[in-house]
């Protein structure tokens, strides 16, 4: 699946689900998460996030290492789905491929107004 951070091509999700609403609430409660994508496939809810970097050296690893297991557990509890949580480092290009296919159920990036994305 190809994702793009092109602000002229905003995605319109076909329907809002209980999972999408739960993910929006979770995203709202975690200000260190810059962007969140959730893609449902046959086996799991694949949640991909980007994080706000640390102030001193633009690193996202400390927050990821400290919180990723708890975050996955929280999301699994909220959605009732098996969750695969992945960190995406800031891409160097406006379009990039991910190795996940399925239905996008959430696309959240309101903390980063310069970067919106769409799926092709």
C-alpha atoms as a PDB file:
ATOM      1  CA  UNK A   1       0.000   0.000   0.000  1.00  0.00           C
ATOM      2  CA  UNK A   2       1.280   3.447  -0.856  1.00  0.00           C
ATOM      3  CA  UNK A   3       0.850   6.349   1.564  1.00  0.00           C
ATOM      4  CA  UNK A   4       1.357   9.991   0.719  1.00  0.00           C
ATOM      5  CA  UNK A   5       1.774  13.147   2.811  1.00  0.00           C
ATOM      6  CA  UNK A   6       0.250  15.342   0.106  1.00  0.00           C
ATOM      7  CA  UNK A   7      -2.051  17.945   1.703  1.00  0.00           C
ATOM      8  CA  UNK A   8      -3.959  18.415  -1.549  1.00  0.00           C
ATOM      9  CA  UNK A   9      -5.119  14.793  -1.520  1.00  0.00           C
ATOM     10  CA  UNK A  10      -6.952  14.277   1.751  1.00  0.00           C
ATOM     11  CA  UNK A  11      -8.433  10.849   2.302  1.00  0.00           C
ATOM     12  CA  UNK A  12     -12.105  10.433   2.960  1.00  0.00           C
ATOM     13  CA  UNK A  13     -12.767   7.270   4.910  1.00  0.00           C
ATOM     14  CA  UNK A  14     -15.880   5.419   3.705  1.00  0.00           C
ATOM     15  CA  UNK A  15     -17.435   5.093   7.177  1.00  0.00           C
ATOM     16  CA  UNK A  16     -16.694   5.789  10.794  1.00  0.00           C
ATOM     17  CA  UNK A  17     -16.483   2.667  12.935  1.00  0.00           C
ATOM     18  CA  UNK A  18     -16.343   2.116  16.678  1.00  0.00           C
ATOM     19  CA  UNK A  19     -12.658   1.223  16.221  1.00  0.00           C
ATOM     20  CA  UNK A  20     -11.993   4.502  14.403  1.00  0.00           C
ATOM     21  CA  UNK A  21     -13.660   6.477  17.178  1.00  0.00           C
ATOM     22  CA  UNK A  22     -11.685   4.575  19.843  1.00  0.00           C
ATOM     23  CA  UNK A  23      -8.458   5.252  17.955  1.00  0.00           C
ATOM     24  CA  UNK A  24      -9.308   8.958  17.671  1.00  0.00           C
ATOM     25  CA  UNK A  25      -9.857   9.104  21.433  1.00  0.00           C
ATOM     26  CA  UNK A  26      -6.571   7.259  22.057  1.00  0.00           C
ATOM     27  CA  UNK A  27      -4.696   9.565  19.664  1.00  0.00           C
ATOM     28  CA  UNK A  28      -6.198  12.610  21.370  1.00  0.00           C
ATOM     29  CA  UNK A  29      -4.972  11.340  24.759  1.00  0.00           C
ATOM     30  CA  UNK A  30      -1.378  10.776  23.542  1.00  0.00           C
ATOM     31  CA  UNK A  31       0.149  14.105  22.457  1.00  0.00           C
ATOM     32  CA  UNK A  32       3.522  12.486  21.736  1.00  0.00           C
ATOM     33  CA  UNK A  33       1.970  10.648  18.780  1.00  0.00           C
ATOM     34  CA  UNK A  34       2.211  12.900  15.727  1.00  0.00           C
ATOM     35  CA  UNK A  35       0.356  10.708  13.190  1.00  0.00           C
ATOM     36  CA  UNK A  36      -1.603   7.462  13.314  1.00  0.00           C
ATOM     37  CA  UNK A  37      -2.802   5.141  10.575  1.00  0.00           C
ATOM     38  CA  UNK A  38      -4.900   2.051  11.280  1.00  0.00           C
ATOM     39  CA  UNK A  39      -5.274  -0.629   8.643  1.00  0.00           C
ATOM     40  CA  UNK A  40      -7.486  -3.665   9.249  1.00  0.00           C
ATOM     41  CA  UNK A  41      -6.419  -6.864   7.538  1.00  0.00           C
ATOM     42  CA  UNK A  42      -7.669 -10.424   7.987  1.00  0.00           C
ATOM     43  CA  UNK A  43      -5.394 -11.123  10.963  1.00  0.00           C
ATOM     44  CA  UNK A  44      -4.942  -7.914  12.939  1.00  0.00           C
ATOM     45  CA  UNK A  45      -5.430  -4.205  13.276  1.00  0.00           C
ATOM     46  CA  UNK A  46      -2.155  -2.741  12.042  1.00  0.00           C
ATOM     47  CA  UNK A  47      -1.514   0.593  13.722  1.00  0.00           C
ATOM     48  CA  UNK A  48       1.347   2.692  12.402  1.00  0.00           C
ATOM     49  CA  UNK A  49       2.439   5.796  14.268  1.00  0.00           C
ATOM     50  CA  UNK A  50       4.972   8.573  13.970  1.00  0.00           C
ATOM     51  CA  UNK A  51       6.149  10.269  17.143  1.00  0.00           C
ATOM     52  CA  UNK A  52       7.171  13.749  18.151  1.00  0.00           C
ATOM     53  CA  UNK A  53      10.970  13.728  18.351  1.00  0.00           C
ATOM     54  CA  UNK A  54      12.850  14.653  21.487  1.00  0.00           C
ATOM     55  CA  UNK A  55      13.864  18.291  21.757  1.00  0.00           C
ATOM     56  CA  UNK A  56      17.577  17.638  22.180  1.00  0.00           C
ATOM     57  CA  UNK A  57      18.330  15.340  19.247  1.00  0.00           C
ATOM     58  CA  UNK A  58      15.191  14.591  17.219  1.00  0.00           C
ATOM     59  CA  UNK A  59      15.104  10.991  18.436  1.00  0.00           C
ATOM     60  CA  UNK A  60      11.847   9.042  18.760  1.00  0.00           C
ATOM     61  CA  UNK A  61      13.367   5.869  20.208  1.00  0.00           C
ATOM     62  CA  UNK A  62      13.075   6.748  23.915  1.00  0.00           C
ATOM     63  CA  UNK A  63       9.305   7.187  23.780  1.00  0.00           C
ATOM     64  CA  UNK A  64       8.872   4.147  21.544  1.00  0.00           C
ATOM     65  CA  UNK A  65      10.980   1.883  23.774  1.00  0.00           C
ATOM     66  CA  UNK A  66       9.284   3.130  26.936  1.00  0.00           C
ATOM     67  CA  UNK A  67       5.677   3.035  25.736  1.00  0.00           C
ATOM     68  CA  UNK A  68       5.115   0.805  22.693  1.00  0.00           C
ATOM     69  CA  UNK A  69       3.988  -2.330  24.565  1.00  0.00           C
ATOM     70  CA  UNK A  70       1.618  -0.361  26.783  1.00  0.00           C
ATOM     71  CA  UNK A  71       0.229   1.515  23.793  1.00  0.00           C
ATOM     72  CA  UNK A  72      -0.405  -1.716  21.863  1.00  0.00           C
ATOM     73  CA  UNK A  73      -2.172  -3.158  24.898  1.00  0.00           C
ATOM     74  CA  UNK A  74      -4.294  -0.017  25.315  1.00  0.00           C
ATOM     75  CA  UNK A  75      -5.321  -0.017  21.653  1.00  0.00           C
ATOM     76  CA  UNK A  76      -6.105  -3.728  21.743  1.00  0.00           C
ATOM     77  CA  UNK A  77      -8.256  -3.207  24.823  1.00  0.00           C
ATOM     78  CA  UNK A  78     -10.096  -0.271  23.224  1.00  0.00           C
ATOM     79  CA  UNK A  79     -10.750  -1.920  19.863  1.00  0.00           C
ATOM     80  CA  UNK A  80     -11.137  -5.573  20.824  1.00  0.00           C
ATOM     81  CA  UNK A  81      -8.782  -6.539  17.975  1.00  0.00           C
ATOM     82  CA  UNK A  82      -5.363  -8.119  17.885  1.00  0.00           C
ATOM     83  CA  UNK A  83      -3.039  -5.162  17.378  1.00  0.00           C
ATOM     84  CA  UNK A  84       0.252  -4.881  15.563  1.00  0.00           C
ATOM     85  CA  UNK A  85       1.797  -1.531  16.498  1.00  0.00           C
ATOM     86  CA  UNK A  86       4.631  -0.188  14.363  1.00  0.00           C
ATOM     87  CA  UNK A  87       6.765   2.934  14.489  1.00  0.00           C
ATOM     88  CA  UNK A  88       7.363   4.788  11.250  1.00  0.00           C
ATOM     89  CA  UNK A  89      10.321   7.148  11.272  1.00  0.00           C
ATOM     90  CA  UNK A  90       9.612  10.355   9.409  1.00  0.00           C
ATOM     91  CA  UNK A  91       9.765   9.470   5.714  1.00  0.00           C
ATOM     92  CA  UNK A  92      12.238  11.338   3.535  1.00  0.00           C
ATOM     93  CA  UNK A  93       9.822  11.514   0.619  1.00  0.00           C
ATOM     94  CA  UNK A  94       6.204  12.608   0.315  1.00  0.00           C
ATOM     95  CA  UNK A  95       5.166   9.116  -0.859  1.00  0.00           C
ATOM     96  CA  UNK A  96       6.255   5.792   0.548  1.00  0.00           C
ATOM     97  CA  UNK A  97       5.210   2.146   0.497  1.00  0.00           C
ATOM     98  CA  UNK A  98       4.247   0.014   3.466  1.00  0.00           C
ATOM     99  CA  UNK A  99       4.002  -3.778   3.482  1.00  0.00           C
ATOM    100  CA  UNK A 100       0.420  -3.887   4.718  1.00  0.00           C
ATOM    101  CA  UNK A 101      -2.723  -4.408   2.688  1.00  0.00           C
ATOM    102  CA  UNK A 102      -6.245  -3.980   4.013  1.00  0.00           C
ATOM    103  CA  UNK A 103      -8.878  -1.378   4.769  1.00  0.00           C
ATOM    104  CA  UNK A 104      -7.816   1.916   6.284  1.00  0.00           C
ATOM    105  CA  UNK A 105     -10.115   2.551   9.235  1.00  0.00           C
ATOM    106  CA  UNK A 106      -8.372   5.574  10.786  1.00  0.00           C
ATOM    107  CA  UNK A 107      -6.077   8.314   9.536  1.00  0.00           C
ATOM    108  CA  UNK A 108      -5.203  10.811  12.224  1.00  0.00           C
ATOM    109  CA  UNK A 109      -2.748  13.673  11.870  1.00  0.00           C
ATOM    110  CA  UNK A 110      -4.367  16.782  13.298  1.00  0.00           C
ATOM    111  CA  UNK A 111      -1.251  17.534  15.355  1.00  0.00           C
ATOM    112  CA  UNK A 112       0.763  17.963  12.184  1.00  0.00           C
ATOM    113  CA  UNK A 113      -1.141  20.415   9.949  1.00  0.00           C
ATOM    114  CA  UNK A 114       1.581  20.462   7.299  1.00  0.00           C
ATOM    115  CA  UNK A 115       1.335  16.747   6.580  1.00  0.00           C
ATOM    116  CA  UNK A 116      -1.805  15.058   5.441  1.00  0.00           C
ATOM    117  CA  UNK A 117      -1.815  11.735   3.644  1.00  0.00           C
ATOM    118  CA  UNK A 118      -3.827   9.500   1.424  1.00  0.00           C
ATOM    119  CA  UNK A 119      -3.704   5.856   0.454  1.00  0.00           C
ATOM    120  CA  UNK A 120      -3.568   4.673  -3.131  1.00  0.00           C
END
